[in-house]
N, C-alpha and C. Protein backbone atom coordinates (compact mmCIF):
# COMPACT_ATOMS: atom_id res chain seq x y z
N UNK A 1 13.68 -8.67 -7.91
CA UNK A 1 12.44 -8.69 -8.92
C UNK A 1 12.87 -8.35 -10.15
N UNK A 2 13.83 -7.38 -10.58
CA UNK A 2 14.05 -6.85 -11.71
C UNK A 2 14.55 -8.05 -12.74
N UNK A 3 15.22 -9.00 -12.30
CA UNK A 3 15.44 -10.11 -13.19
C UNK A 3 14.45 -10.83 -13.67
N UNK A 4 13.24 -11.04 -13.12
CA UNK A 4 12.10 -11.58 -13.36
C UNK A 4 11.53 -11.18 -14.79
N UNK A 5 11.75 -9.99 -15.07
CA UNK A 5 11.16 -9.35 -16.44
C UNK A 5 11.81 -10.06 -17.52
N UNK A 6 12.91 -10.96 -17.29
CA UNK A 6 13.58 -11.79 -18.44
C UNK A 6 12.61 -13.01 -18.98
N UNK A 7 11.58 -13.33 -18.12
CA UNK A 7 11.05 -14.41 -18.37
C UNK A 7 9.38 -14.03 -19.12
N UNK A 8 9.63 -13.76 -20.56
CA UNK A 8 8.60 -13.33 -21.37
C UNK A 8 7.69 -14.74 -21.63
N UNK A 9 6.35 -14.37 -21.71
CA UNK A 9 5.50 -15.56 -21.85
C UNK A 9 5.00 -16.20 -20.47
N UNK A 10 5.49 -15.63 -19.42
CA UNK A 10 5.17 -16.17 -18.08
C UNK A 10 4.16 -15.02 -17.38
N UNK A 11 3.12 -15.52 -16.79
CA UNK A 11 2.27 -14.72 -15.97
C UNK A 11 2.22 -15.03 -14.52
N UNK A 12 2.56 -13.85 -13.77
CA UNK A 12 2.69 -13.94 -12.38
C UNK A 12 1.08 -14.17 -11.84
N UNK A 13 0.92 -15.03 -10.92
CA UNK A 13 -0.40 -15.20 -10.47
C UNK A 13 -0.31 -15.60 -8.88
N UNK A 14 -1.45 -16.04 -8.18
CA UNK A 14 -1.60 -16.39 -6.94
C UNK A 14 -1.40 -15.36 -5.95
N UNK A 15 -0.79 -15.60 -4.69
CA UNK A 15 -0.85 -14.66 -3.84
C UNK A 15 0.20 -13.33 -3.81
N UNK A 16 1.26 -13.57 -4.58
CA UNK A 16 2.18 -12.34 -4.76
C UNK A 16 1.56 -11.46 -5.88
N UNK A 17 1.03 -11.97 -6.92
CA UNK A 17 0.28 -10.99 -7.79
C UNK A 17 -0.79 -10.20 -7.15
N UNK A 18 -1.59 -11.00 -6.28
CA UNK A 18 -2.83 -10.20 -5.51
C UNK A 18 -2.27 -9.40 -4.55
N UNK A 19 -1.09 -9.72 -3.98
CA UNK A 19 -0.62 -8.78 -2.88
C UNK A 19 -0.03 -7.52 -3.58
N UNK A 20 0.60 -7.57 -4.67
CA UNK A 20 1.13 -6.52 -5.41
C UNK A 20 -0.11 -5.48 -5.98
N UNK A 21 -1.27 -6.24 -6.20
CA UNK A 21 -2.45 -5.39 -6.81
C UNK A 21 -3.17 -4.88 -5.57
N UNK A 22 -3.42 -5.57 -4.47
CA UNK A 22 -4.35 -4.89 -3.44
C UNK A 22 -3.77 -4.79 -2.12
N UNK A 23 -2.42 -5.10 -1.94
CA UNK A 23 -1.64 -4.72 -0.82
C UNK A 23 -2.21 -5.07 0.47
N UNK A 24 -2.69 -6.42 0.77
CA UNK A 24 -3.17 -6.92 1.83
C UNK A 24 -2.32 -7.66 2.68
N UNK A 25 -1.38 -8.42 2.15
CA UNK A 25 -0.43 -9.20 2.90
C UNK A 25 0.84 -9.19 2.22
N UNK A 26 1.90 -9.56 2.92
CA UNK A 26 3.31 -9.91 2.35
C UNK A 26 3.39 -11.27 1.71
N UNK A 27 3.92 -11.44 0.58
CA UNK A 27 3.97 -12.77 0.02
C UNK A 27 5.39 -12.65 -0.70
N UNK A 28 6.33 -13.52 -0.48
CA UNK A 28 7.57 -13.45 -0.95
C UNK A 28 7.82 -14.67 -1.80
N UNK A 29 6.99 -15.53 -2.30
CA UNK A 29 7.27 -16.40 -3.48
C UNK A 29 6.69 -16.06 -4.77
N UNK A 30 7.21 -16.32 -5.80
CA UNK A 30 6.73 -16.07 -7.18
C UNK A 30 6.11 -17.25 -7.93
N UNK A 31 4.99 -17.19 -8.24
CA UNK A 31 4.31 -18.33 -9.07
C UNK A 31 4.00 -17.71 -10.54
N UNK A 32 4.64 -18.41 -11.40
CA UNK A 32 4.39 -18.00 -12.84
C UNK A 32 3.68 -19.05 -13.67
N UNK A 33 2.83 -18.69 -14.44
CA UNK A 33 2.12 -19.65 -15.15
C UNK A 33 2.43 -19.52 -16.71
N UNK A 34 2.63 -20.75 -17.27
CA UNK A 34 2.99 -20.86 -18.56
C UNK A 34 1.96 -21.81 -19.43
N UNK A 35 1.64 -21.36 -20.65
CA UNK A 35 0.70 -22.20 -21.45
C UNK A 35 1.72 -23.37 -22.07
N UNK A 36 1.31 -24.51 -22.01
CA UNK A 36 2.13 -25.66 -22.37
C UNK A 36 2.97 -26.34 -21.42
N UNK A 37 3.93 -27.15 -21.72
CA UNK A 37 4.69 -27.85 -20.72
C UNK A 37 5.97 -27.01 -20.43
N UNK A 38 6.44 -27.28 -19.46
CA UNK A 38 7.82 -26.72 -19.11
C UNK A 38 9.01 -27.12 -19.76
N UNK A 39 9.81 -26.43 -20.46
CA UNK A 39 10.88 -26.88 -21.46
C UNK A 39 12.05 -26.99 -20.67
N UNK A 40 12.81 -27.90 -21.06
CA UNK A 40 14.32 -27.82 -20.44
C UNK A 40 15.09 -26.45 -20.57
N UNK A 41 14.80 -25.80 -21.53
CA UNK A 41 15.25 -24.50 -21.85
C UNK A 41 15.01 -23.45 -20.69
N UNK A 42 13.93 -23.63 -20.09
CA UNK A 42 13.38 -22.82 -19.05
C UNK A 42 14.41 -22.84 -17.70
N UNK A 43 14.74 -23.94 -17.41
CA UNK A 43 15.83 -24.26 -16.49
C UNK A 43 17.01 -23.60 -16.70
N UNK A 44 17.62 -23.83 -18.05
CA UNK A 44 18.81 -23.30 -18.41
C UNK A 44 18.70 -21.79 -18.45
N UNK A 45 17.63 -21.20 -18.79
CA UNK A 45 17.53 -19.76 -18.73
C UNK A 45 17.48 -19.24 -17.31
N UNK A 46 16.80 -19.90 -16.55
CA UNK A 46 16.73 -19.58 -15.09
C UNK A 46 18.23 -19.54 -14.44
N UNK A 47 18.97 -20.50 -14.91
CA UNK A 47 20.37 -20.34 -14.25
C UNK A 47 21.16 -19.30 -14.89
N UNK A 48 20.93 -18.93 -16.09
CA UNK A 48 21.73 -17.82 -16.72
C UNK A 48 21.24 -16.47 -16.17
N UNK A 49 19.87 -16.40 -16.16
CA UNK A 49 19.41 -14.95 -15.42
C UNK A 49 19.93 -14.87 -14.26
N UNK A 50 19.87 -15.93 -13.17
CA UNK A 50 20.33 -15.76 -11.85
C UNK A 50 21.74 -16.41 -11.74
N UNK A 51 22.61 -16.17 -12.74
CA UNK A 51 23.95 -16.44 -12.56
C UNK A 51 24.67 -15.66 -11.35
N UNK A 52 25.34 -16.24 -10.53
CA UNK A 52 26.18 -15.76 -9.57
C UNK A 52 25.26 -15.59 -8.13
N UNK A 53 23.91 -16.07 -8.38
CA UNK A 53 23.08 -16.35 -7.18
C UNK A 53 23.04 -17.77 -6.68
N UNK A 54 22.74 -17.87 -5.38
CA UNK A 54 22.54 -19.27 -4.98
C UNK A 54 21.36 -19.82 -5.55
N UNK A 55 21.49 -21.01 -6.21
CA UNK A 55 20.23 -21.84 -6.86
C UNK A 55 19.97 -23.18 -6.49
N UNK A 56 19.08 -23.66 -6.04
CA UNK A 56 18.79 -24.86 -5.57
C UNK A 56 17.44 -25.24 -6.30
N UNK A 57 17.47 -26.40 -7.02
CA UNK A 57 16.18 -27.08 -7.58
C UNK A 57 15.36 -27.79 -6.58
N UNK A 58 14.01 -27.54 -6.64
CA UNK A 58 13.23 -28.35 -5.74
C UNK A 58 12.36 -29.21 -6.59
N UNK A 59 11.77 -28.74 -7.68
CA UNK A 59 11.14 -29.45 -8.60
C UNK A 59 11.49 -29.23 -10.13
N UNK A 60 11.86 -30.28 -10.97
CA UNK A 60 11.99 -29.99 -12.44
C UNK A 60 11.25 -30.94 -13.29
N UNK A 61 10.22 -30.80 -13.78
CA UNK A 61 9.30 -31.83 -14.47
C UNK A 61 8.70 -30.96 -15.50
N UNK A 62 8.09 -31.59 -16.53
CA UNK A 62 7.42 -31.20 -17.52
C UNK A 62 6.13 -30.18 -17.06
N UNK A 63 5.65 -30.40 -15.89
CA UNK A 63 4.54 -29.78 -15.38
C UNK A 63 5.00 -28.61 -14.46
N UNK A 64 6.22 -28.52 -13.80
CA UNK A 64 6.68 -27.48 -12.93
C UNK A 64 8.04 -27.56 -12.73
N UNK A 65 8.45 -26.24 -12.60
CA UNK A 65 10.05 -26.02 -12.17
C UNK A 65 9.97 -25.13 -10.94
N UNK A 66 10.42 -25.51 -9.96
CA UNK A 66 10.57 -24.73 -8.75
C UNK A 66 11.90 -24.68 -8.21
N UNK A 67 12.50 -23.40 -8.16
CA UNK A 67 13.88 -23.26 -7.57
C UNK A 67 13.79 -22.18 -6.35
N UNK A 68 14.95 -22.42 -5.66
CA UNK A 68 15.09 -21.23 -4.63
C UNK A 68 16.29 -20.56 -5.12
N UNK A 69 15.96 -19.20 -5.17
CA UNK A 69 17.26 -18.41 -5.57
C UNK A 69 17.39 -17.42 -4.52
N UNK A 70 18.70 -17.55 -3.99
CA UNK A 70 18.84 -16.83 -2.83
C UNK A 70 17.91 -16.86 -1.66
N UNK A 71 17.27 -18.13 -1.64
CA UNK A 71 16.28 -18.26 -0.55
C UNK A 71 14.84 -18.08 -0.92
N UNK A 72 14.52 -17.39 -2.20
CA UNK A 72 13.21 -16.96 -2.52
C UNK A 72 12.86 -17.97 -3.58
N UNK A 73 11.70 -18.64 -3.09
CA UNK A 73 10.99 -19.61 -4.07
C UNK A 73 10.33 -18.98 -5.37
N UNK A 74 10.63 -19.63 -6.39
CA UNK A 74 10.05 -19.08 -7.68
C UNK A 74 9.66 -20.54 -8.49
N UNK A 75 8.38 -20.53 -8.69
CA UNK A 75 7.78 -21.67 -9.29
C UNK A 75 7.21 -21.27 -10.74
N UNK A 76 7.34 -22.02 -11.78
CA UNK A 76 6.97 -22.02 -13.10
C UNK A 76 5.96 -23.08 -13.15
N UNK A 77 4.67 -23.11 -13.50
CA UNK A 77 3.84 -23.94 -13.67
C UNK A 77 3.15 -24.16 -15.18
N UNK A 78 2.92 -25.23 -15.70
CA UNK A 78 2.34 -25.42 -16.91
C UNK A 78 0.86 -25.24 -16.65
N UNK A 79 0.20 -24.44 -17.53
CA UNK A 79 -1.05 -24.02 -17.11
C UNK A 79 -2.16 -24.20 -18.34
N UNK A 80 -2.87 -25.14 -18.04
CA UNK A 80 -3.70 -25.47 -19.27
C UNK A 80 -5.01 -24.80 -19.39
N UNK A 81 -5.25 -24.07 -18.39
CA UNK A 81 -6.64 -23.31 -18.25
C UNK A 81 -6.68 -21.93 -19.15
N UNK A 82 -7.84 -21.69 -19.53
CA UNK A 82 -7.84 -20.33 -20.30
C UNK A 82 -7.65 -19.27 -19.48
N UNK A 83 -7.18 -18.25 -20.01
CA UNK A 83 -7.25 -16.86 -19.35
C UNK A 83 -8.44 -15.88 -19.66
N UNK A 84 -9.19 -15.73 -18.67
CA UNK A 84 -10.49 -15.14 -18.79
C UNK A 84 -10.46 -13.61 -19.00
N UNK A 85 -9.34 -12.93 -18.42
CA UNK A 85 -9.27 -11.53 -18.27
C UNK A 85 -7.95 -11.33 -18.94
N UNK A 86 -7.89 -10.04 -19.48
CA UNK A 86 -6.45 -9.48 -20.06
C UNK A 86 -5.61 -9.35 -18.75
N UNK A 87 -4.27 -9.92 -19.03
CA UNK A 87 -3.32 -9.69 -17.88
C UNK A 87 -2.99 -8.28 -17.88
N UNK A 88 -2.38 -7.84 -16.56
CA UNK A 88 -2.05 -6.46 -16.54
C UNK A 88 -0.52 -6.51 -16.52
N UNK A 89 0.08 -5.47 -16.90
CA UNK A 89 1.54 -5.26 -17.02
C UNK A 89 2.06 -4.30 -15.69
N UNK A 90 2.73 -4.71 -15.13
CA UNK A 90 3.51 -4.11 -13.91
C UNK A 90 4.88 -4.01 -13.80
N UNK A 91 5.61 -3.21 -14.10
CA UNK A 91 7.00 -3.10 -14.14
C UNK A 91 7.78 -4.24 -14.88
N UNK A 92 7.09 -4.47 -16.15
CA UNK A 92 7.81 -5.45 -17.20
C UNK A 92 7.31 -6.84 -16.76
N UNK A 93 6.54 -7.00 -15.73
CA UNK A 93 6.02 -8.35 -15.46
C UNK A 93 4.56 -8.63 -15.87
N UNK A 94 4.16 -9.59 -16.75
CA UNK A 94 2.67 -9.73 -16.69
C UNK A 94 2.03 -10.33 -15.39
N UNK A 95 0.96 -9.94 -15.08
CA UNK A 95 0.24 -10.50 -13.93
C UNK A 95 -1.12 -10.70 -14.14
N UNK A 96 -1.82 -11.86 -13.44
CA UNK A 96 -3.30 -12.24 -13.67
C UNK A 96 -3.72 -10.96 -12.94
N UNK A 97 -5.14 -10.58 -13.49
CA UNK A 97 -5.95 -9.58 -12.74
C UNK A 97 -6.58 -10.16 -11.33
N UNK A 98 -7.08 -9.10 -10.60
CA UNK A 98 -7.75 -9.63 -9.36
C UNK A 98 -8.95 -10.83 -9.66
N UNK A 99 -9.57 -10.40 -10.66
CA UNK A 99 -10.80 -11.19 -11.26
C UNK A 99 -10.32 -12.56 -11.45
N UNK A 100 -9.19 -12.84 -12.26
CA UNK A 100 -8.58 -13.92 -12.75
C UNK A 100 -8.18 -14.74 -11.44
N UNK A 101 -7.34 -14.10 -10.40
CA UNK A 101 -6.88 -14.74 -9.27
C UNK A 101 -8.17 -15.18 -8.33
N UNK A 102 -9.27 -14.48 -8.30
CA UNK A 102 -10.35 -14.79 -7.61
C UNK A 102 -11.02 -16.06 -7.93
N UNK A 103 -11.14 -16.41 -9.42
CA UNK A 103 -11.60 -17.54 -9.87
C UNK A 103 -10.65 -18.82 -9.54
N UNK A 104 -9.41 -18.60 -9.28
CA UNK A 104 -8.27 -19.29 -9.28
C UNK A 104 -8.40 -19.83 -7.73
N UNK A 105 -8.69 -18.67 -6.91
CA UNK A 105 -8.75 -19.06 -5.30
C UNK A 105 -10.12 -19.93 -5.10
N UNK A 106 -11.11 -19.66 -5.89
CA UNK A 106 -12.32 -20.35 -5.56
C UNK A 106 -12.12 -21.94 -5.84
N UNK A 107 -11.46 -22.06 -6.98
CA UNK A 107 -11.13 -23.47 -7.46
C UNK A 107 -10.32 -24.07 -6.51
N UNK A 108 -9.20 -23.31 -5.95
CA UNK A 108 -8.29 -23.83 -4.94
C UNK A 108 -9.05 -24.31 -3.63
N UNK A 109 -9.80 -23.40 -3.29
CA UNK A 109 -10.53 -23.76 -1.96
C UNK A 109 -11.47 -24.85 -2.04
N UNK A 110 -12.02 -25.21 -3.16
CA UNK A 110 -12.73 -26.13 -3.25
C UNK A 110 -11.96 -27.48 -3.48
N UNK A 111 -10.56 -27.65 -3.43
CA UNK A 111 -9.85 -28.58 -3.65
C UNK A 111 -8.66 -28.72 -2.24
N UNK A 112 -7.77 -28.09 -2.18
CA UNK A 112 -6.68 -28.10 -1.41
C UNK A 112 -6.31 -26.97 -0.84
N UNK A 113 -7.16 -26.27 -0.14
CA UNK A 113 -7.00 -24.82 0.36
C UNK A 113 -6.09 -24.81 1.52
N UNK A 114 -5.44 -23.75 1.51
CA UNK A 114 -4.57 -23.29 2.79
C UNK A 114 -5.27 -22.13 3.43
N UNK A 115 -4.89 -21.82 4.60
CA UNK A 115 -5.33 -20.41 5.24
C UNK A 115 -5.34 -19.31 4.42
N UNK A 116 -4.21 -19.11 3.73
CA UNK A 116 -3.85 -17.92 3.12
C UNK A 116 -4.95 -17.76 1.90
N UNK A 117 -5.29 -18.82 1.32
CA UNK A 117 -6.45 -18.80 0.22
C UNK A 117 -7.66 -18.25 0.65
N UNK A 118 -8.11 -18.53 1.80
CA UNK A 118 -9.30 -17.83 2.51
C UNK A 118 -9.01 -16.34 2.69
N UNK A 119 -7.96 -16.15 3.22
CA UNK A 119 -7.46 -14.72 3.53
C UNK A 119 -7.37 -13.82 2.28
N UNK A 120 -6.93 -14.32 1.30
CA UNK A 120 -6.93 -13.66 -0.11
C UNK A 120 -8.26 -13.45 -0.46
N UNK A 121 -9.22 -14.40 -0.60
CA UNK A 121 -10.46 -14.36 -1.00
C UNK A 121 -11.30 -13.37 -0.16
N UNK A 122 -11.12 -13.42 1.15
CA UNK A 122 -11.80 -12.39 1.98
C UNK A 122 -11.49 -10.97 1.42
N UNK A 123 -10.09 -10.73 1.31
CA UNK A 123 -9.69 -9.40 0.79
C UNK A 123 -10.32 -9.23 -0.54
N UNK A 124 -10.36 -10.15 -1.49
CA UNK A 124 -10.82 -9.81 -2.69
C UNK A 124 -12.26 -9.36 -2.78
N UNK A 125 -13.06 -10.04 -1.79
CA UNK A 125 -14.42 -9.70 -1.75
C UNK A 125 -14.65 -8.36 -0.91
N UNK A 126 -14.12 -8.31 0.20
CA UNK A 126 -14.40 -7.23 1.15
C UNK A 126 -13.97 -5.88 0.64
N UNK A 127 -12.57 -5.92 0.22
CA UNK A 127 -11.80 -4.76 -0.09
C UNK A 127 -11.94 -4.25 -1.57
N UNK A 128 -12.06 -5.32 -2.49
CA UNK A 128 -12.06 -5.06 -3.97
C UNK A 128 -13.33 -5.04 -4.37
N UNK A 129 -14.48 -5.43 -3.67
CA UNK A 129 -15.75 -5.28 -3.93
C UNK A 129 -16.13 -6.18 -5.13
N UNK A 130 -15.52 -7.51 -5.01
CA UNK A 130 -15.68 -8.48 -6.17
C UNK A 130 -16.91 -9.40 -5.40
N UNK A 131 -18.03 -9.64 -6.27
CA UNK A 131 -19.23 -10.41 -5.63
C UNK A 131 -18.93 -11.87 -5.75
N UNK A 132 -19.22 -12.46 -4.81
CA UNK A 132 -18.94 -13.93 -4.83
C UNK A 132 -19.76 -14.68 -6.01
N UNK A 133 -20.95 -14.29 -6.30
CA UNK A 133 -21.63 -14.86 -7.41
C UNK A 133 -20.72 -14.73 -8.76
N UNK A 134 -20.18 -13.63 -8.85
CA UNK A 134 -19.45 -13.39 -10.06
C UNK A 134 -18.17 -14.22 -10.02
N UNK A 135 -17.51 -14.25 -9.04
CA UNK A 135 -16.33 -15.07 -8.78
C UNK A 135 -16.68 -16.65 -9.06
N UNK A 136 -17.92 -17.11 -8.61
CA UNK A 136 -18.23 -18.42 -9.10
C UNK A 136 -18.43 -18.55 -10.50
N UNK A 137 -19.15 -17.68 -11.21
CA UNK A 137 -19.32 -17.70 -12.54
C UNK A 137 -18.03 -17.86 -13.28
N UNK A 138 -17.08 -16.90 -12.87
CA UNK A 138 -15.62 -17.12 -13.57
C UNK A 138 -14.98 -18.37 -13.34
N UNK A 139 -15.20 -18.76 -12.27
CA UNK A 139 -14.41 -20.20 -11.88
C UNK A 139 -15.14 -21.27 -12.72
N UNK A 140 -16.55 -21.26 -12.75
CA UNK A 140 -17.16 -22.19 -13.75
C UNK A 140 -16.75 -22.27 -15.11
N UNK A 141 -16.44 -20.90 -15.57
CA UNK A 141 -16.16 -20.77 -17.07
C UNK A 141 -14.79 -21.18 -17.33
N UNK A 142 -13.93 -20.88 -16.29
CA UNK A 142 -12.48 -21.05 -16.30
C UNK A 142 -12.13 -22.59 -16.26
N UNK A 143 -12.80 -23.35 -15.37
CA UNK A 143 -12.44 -24.53 -14.90
C UNK A 143 -13.40 -25.58 -15.32
N UNK A 144 -14.57 -25.32 -15.89
CA UNK A 144 -15.62 -26.02 -16.59
C UNK A 144 -16.21 -27.05 -15.43
N UNK A 145 -15.88 -28.48 -15.65
CA UNK A 145 -16.54 -29.34 -15.00
C UNK A 145 -15.70 -29.79 -13.75
N UNK A 146 -14.47 -29.47 -13.64
CA UNK A 146 -13.34 -29.36 -12.58
C UNK A 146 -13.76 -28.62 -11.47
N UNK A 147 -14.60 -27.49 -11.75
CA UNK A 147 -15.12 -26.66 -10.49
C UNK A 147 -16.43 -27.11 -10.16
N UNK A 148 -16.53 -27.25 -8.68
CA UNK A 148 -17.95 -27.58 -8.11
C UNK A 148 -18.19 -26.51 -7.34
N UNK A 149 -19.32 -25.83 -7.57
CA UNK A 149 -19.84 -24.69 -6.75
C UNK A 149 -20.12 -25.14 -5.38
N UNK A 150 -20.97 -26.26 -5.49
CA UNK A 150 -21.42 -26.88 -4.17
C UNK A 150 -20.21 -27.08 -3.28
N UNK A 151 -19.27 -27.80 -3.83
CA UNK A 151 -17.97 -28.14 -2.91
C UNK A 151 -17.38 -26.88 -2.55
N UNK A 152 -17.14 -25.94 -3.31
CA UNK A 152 -16.50 -24.59 -2.99
C UNK A 152 -17.34 -23.99 -1.79
N UNK A 153 -18.56 -23.76 -1.96
CA UNK A 153 -19.35 -22.96 -0.96
C UNK A 153 -19.31 -23.92 0.33
N UNK A 154 -19.33 -25.25 0.29
CA UNK A 154 -19.03 -26.07 1.55
C UNK A 154 -17.80 -25.69 2.24
N UNK A 155 -16.66 -25.81 1.39
CA UNK A 155 -15.32 -25.63 2.06
C UNK A 155 -15.28 -24.05 2.43
N UNK A 156 -16.00 -23.22 1.86
CA UNK A 156 -15.63 -21.80 2.06
C UNK A 156 -16.17 -21.47 3.45
N UNK A 157 -17.17 -22.13 4.13
CA UNK A 157 -17.59 -22.03 5.43
C UNK A 157 -16.99 -22.89 6.54
N UNK A 158 -16.43 -23.84 6.00
CA UNK A 158 -15.88 -25.00 6.85
C UNK A 158 -14.50 -24.76 6.96
N UNK A 159 -13.82 -24.26 8.03
CA UNK A 159 -12.53 -23.94 8.20
C UNK A 159 -11.85 -24.66 9.35
N UNK A 160 -12.60 -25.62 9.95
CA UNK A 160 -12.02 -26.15 11.15
C UNK A 160 -10.84 -27.15 10.95
N UNK A 161 -10.77 -27.76 9.76
CA UNK A 161 -9.59 -28.41 9.24
C UNK A 161 -8.36 -27.69 8.79
N UNK A 162 -8.51 -26.36 8.71
CA UNK A 162 -7.57 -25.31 7.99
C UNK A 162 -6.77 -24.97 9.19
N UNK A 163 -5.47 -25.08 8.96
CA UNK A 163 -4.50 -24.64 10.08
C UNK A 163 -4.30 -22.96 10.01
N UNK A 164 -4.26 -22.42 10.98
CA UNK A 164 -4.25 -20.94 10.97
C UNK A 164 -2.78 -20.63 11.11
N UNK A 165 -2.14 -20.80 9.71
CA UNK A 165 -0.76 -20.35 9.68
C UNK A 165 -0.43 -18.88 9.82
N UNK A 166 0.73 -18.49 10.14
CA UNK A 166 1.16 -17.03 10.40
C UNK A 166 1.06 -16.40 8.99
N UNK A 167 0.29 -15.15 8.95
CA UNK A 167 0.35 -14.31 7.85
C UNK A 167 0.88 -13.11 8.10
N UNK A 168 1.56 -12.31 7.33
CA UNK A 168 2.12 -11.05 7.63
C UNK A 168 1.16 -10.16 6.94
N UNK A 169 0.18 -9.69 7.73
CA UNK A 169 -0.89 -8.77 7.19
C UNK A 169 -0.26 -7.34 7.07
N UNK A 170 -0.68 -6.59 5.82
CA UNK A 170 -0.17 -5.34 5.70
C UNK A 170 -1.40 -4.38 6.21
N UNK A 171 -2.56 -5.00 5.96
CA UNK A 171 -3.72 -4.27 6.57
C UNK A 171 -4.10 -5.16 7.73
N UNK A 172 -5.25 -4.86 8.39
CA UNK A 172 -5.96 -5.37 9.45
C UNK A 172 -5.94 -6.81 9.58
N UNK A 173 -5.23 -7.51 10.59
CA UNK A 173 -5.37 -8.99 10.61
C UNK A 173 -6.84 -9.51 10.78
N UNK A 174 -7.03 -10.48 10.13
CA UNK A 174 -8.27 -11.19 10.16
C UNK A 174 -8.18 -12.68 10.63
N UNK A 175 -8.89 -12.92 11.49
CA UNK A 175 -9.02 -14.10 12.37
C UNK A 175 -9.95 -15.21 11.66
N UNK A 176 -9.80 -16.54 11.79
CA UNK A 176 -10.63 -17.59 11.25
C UNK A 176 -12.16 -17.48 11.61
N UNK A 177 -12.58 -17.04 12.65
CA UNK A 177 -13.86 -16.68 13.06
C UNK A 177 -14.50 -15.66 12.22
N UNK A 178 -13.71 -14.58 11.91
CA UNK A 178 -14.14 -13.44 11.28
C UNK A 178 -14.30 -14.24 9.72
N UNK A 179 -13.44 -14.96 9.37
CA UNK A 179 -13.62 -15.49 8.03
C UNK A 179 -14.99 -16.16 7.97
N UNK A 180 -15.29 -17.17 8.72
CA UNK A 180 -16.38 -17.92 8.73
C UNK A 180 -17.68 -16.98 8.66
N UNK A 181 -17.61 -15.99 9.48
CA UNK A 181 -18.96 -15.14 9.46
C UNK A 181 -19.16 -14.33 8.35
N UNK A 182 -17.97 -14.01 7.84
CA UNK A 182 -17.87 -13.23 6.46
C UNK A 182 -18.53 -13.87 5.44
N UNK A 183 -17.99 -15.11 5.31
CA UNK A 183 -18.24 -15.98 4.01
C UNK A 183 -19.81 -16.42 4.21
N UNK A 184 -20.28 -16.88 5.20
CA UNK A 184 -21.82 -17.25 5.58
C UNK A 184 -22.47 -16.05 5.22
N UNK A 185 -22.31 -14.83 5.48
CA UNK A 185 -22.86 -13.65 5.02
C UNK A 185 -23.09 -13.54 3.73
N UNK A 186 -21.80 -13.62 3.01
CA UNK A 186 -21.53 -13.48 1.55
C UNK A 186 -22.56 -14.51 0.89
N UNK A 187 -22.54 -15.71 1.40
CA UNK A 187 -23.51 -16.78 0.82
C UNK A 187 -24.79 -16.54 0.93
N UNK A 188 -25.31 -16.02 2.02
CA UNK A 188 -26.67 -15.51 2.43
C UNK A 188 -27.05 -14.41 1.28
N UNK A 189 -26.09 -13.60 1.06
CA UNK A 189 -26.44 -12.63 0.11
C UNK A 189 -26.78 -13.18 -1.15
N UNK A 190 -26.26 -14.13 -1.58
CA UNK A 190 -26.67 -14.85 -2.81
C UNK A 190 -27.73 -15.62 -2.73
N UNK A 191 -28.32 -15.85 -1.54
CA UNK A 191 -29.34 -16.71 -1.32
C UNK A 191 -29.12 -18.32 -1.63
N UNK A 192 -27.70 -18.67 -1.22
CA UNK A 192 -27.32 -19.95 -1.32
C UNK A 192 -26.92 -20.53 0.30
N UNK A 193 -27.89 -20.54 1.08
CA UNK A 193 -27.36 -20.63 2.32
C UNK A 193 -26.92 -22.07 2.53
N UNK A 194 -25.71 -22.24 2.91
CA UNK A 194 -25.28 -23.63 3.27
C UNK A 194 -25.37 -24.19 4.66
């Protein structure tokens, strides 16, 4: 992780940033977000920074650079959305706040969610005391018309199609049924019964 400090202008997000902030599960891939397109020089810099390590390129485009470094996946994504909250600085790396990640999780669940996205949002709401209503407001502000509150709330309580993939919990394990019940109760608290 110390070598990741060399990537200035990149912000760590998604599951790993959240896991570092709230300590709910183990996440071993790194997702960095960059304003604008991914430049060719980023790939060259990645090769320089990780010289001597095993490097395999998975994706190299103007929107995304994904590499495996000694088996660890690192992704750099072009990020066209505004940052709503100040980033936090942890050990030389900029990270999105829990609030920012929560808005992104809401957007993701309304589109192409994975089991870990539901787990992350569960811990954001239950353990970090972030209100679902506030998360929705942030997602609407961040993603504008690309975010649908209706679709998000429907997806939030419909987990039948979501595969229960293995998750390395640090805290208590949470099952799919617990998630469904929890999210239904959170929606009821908002008086938006689905």
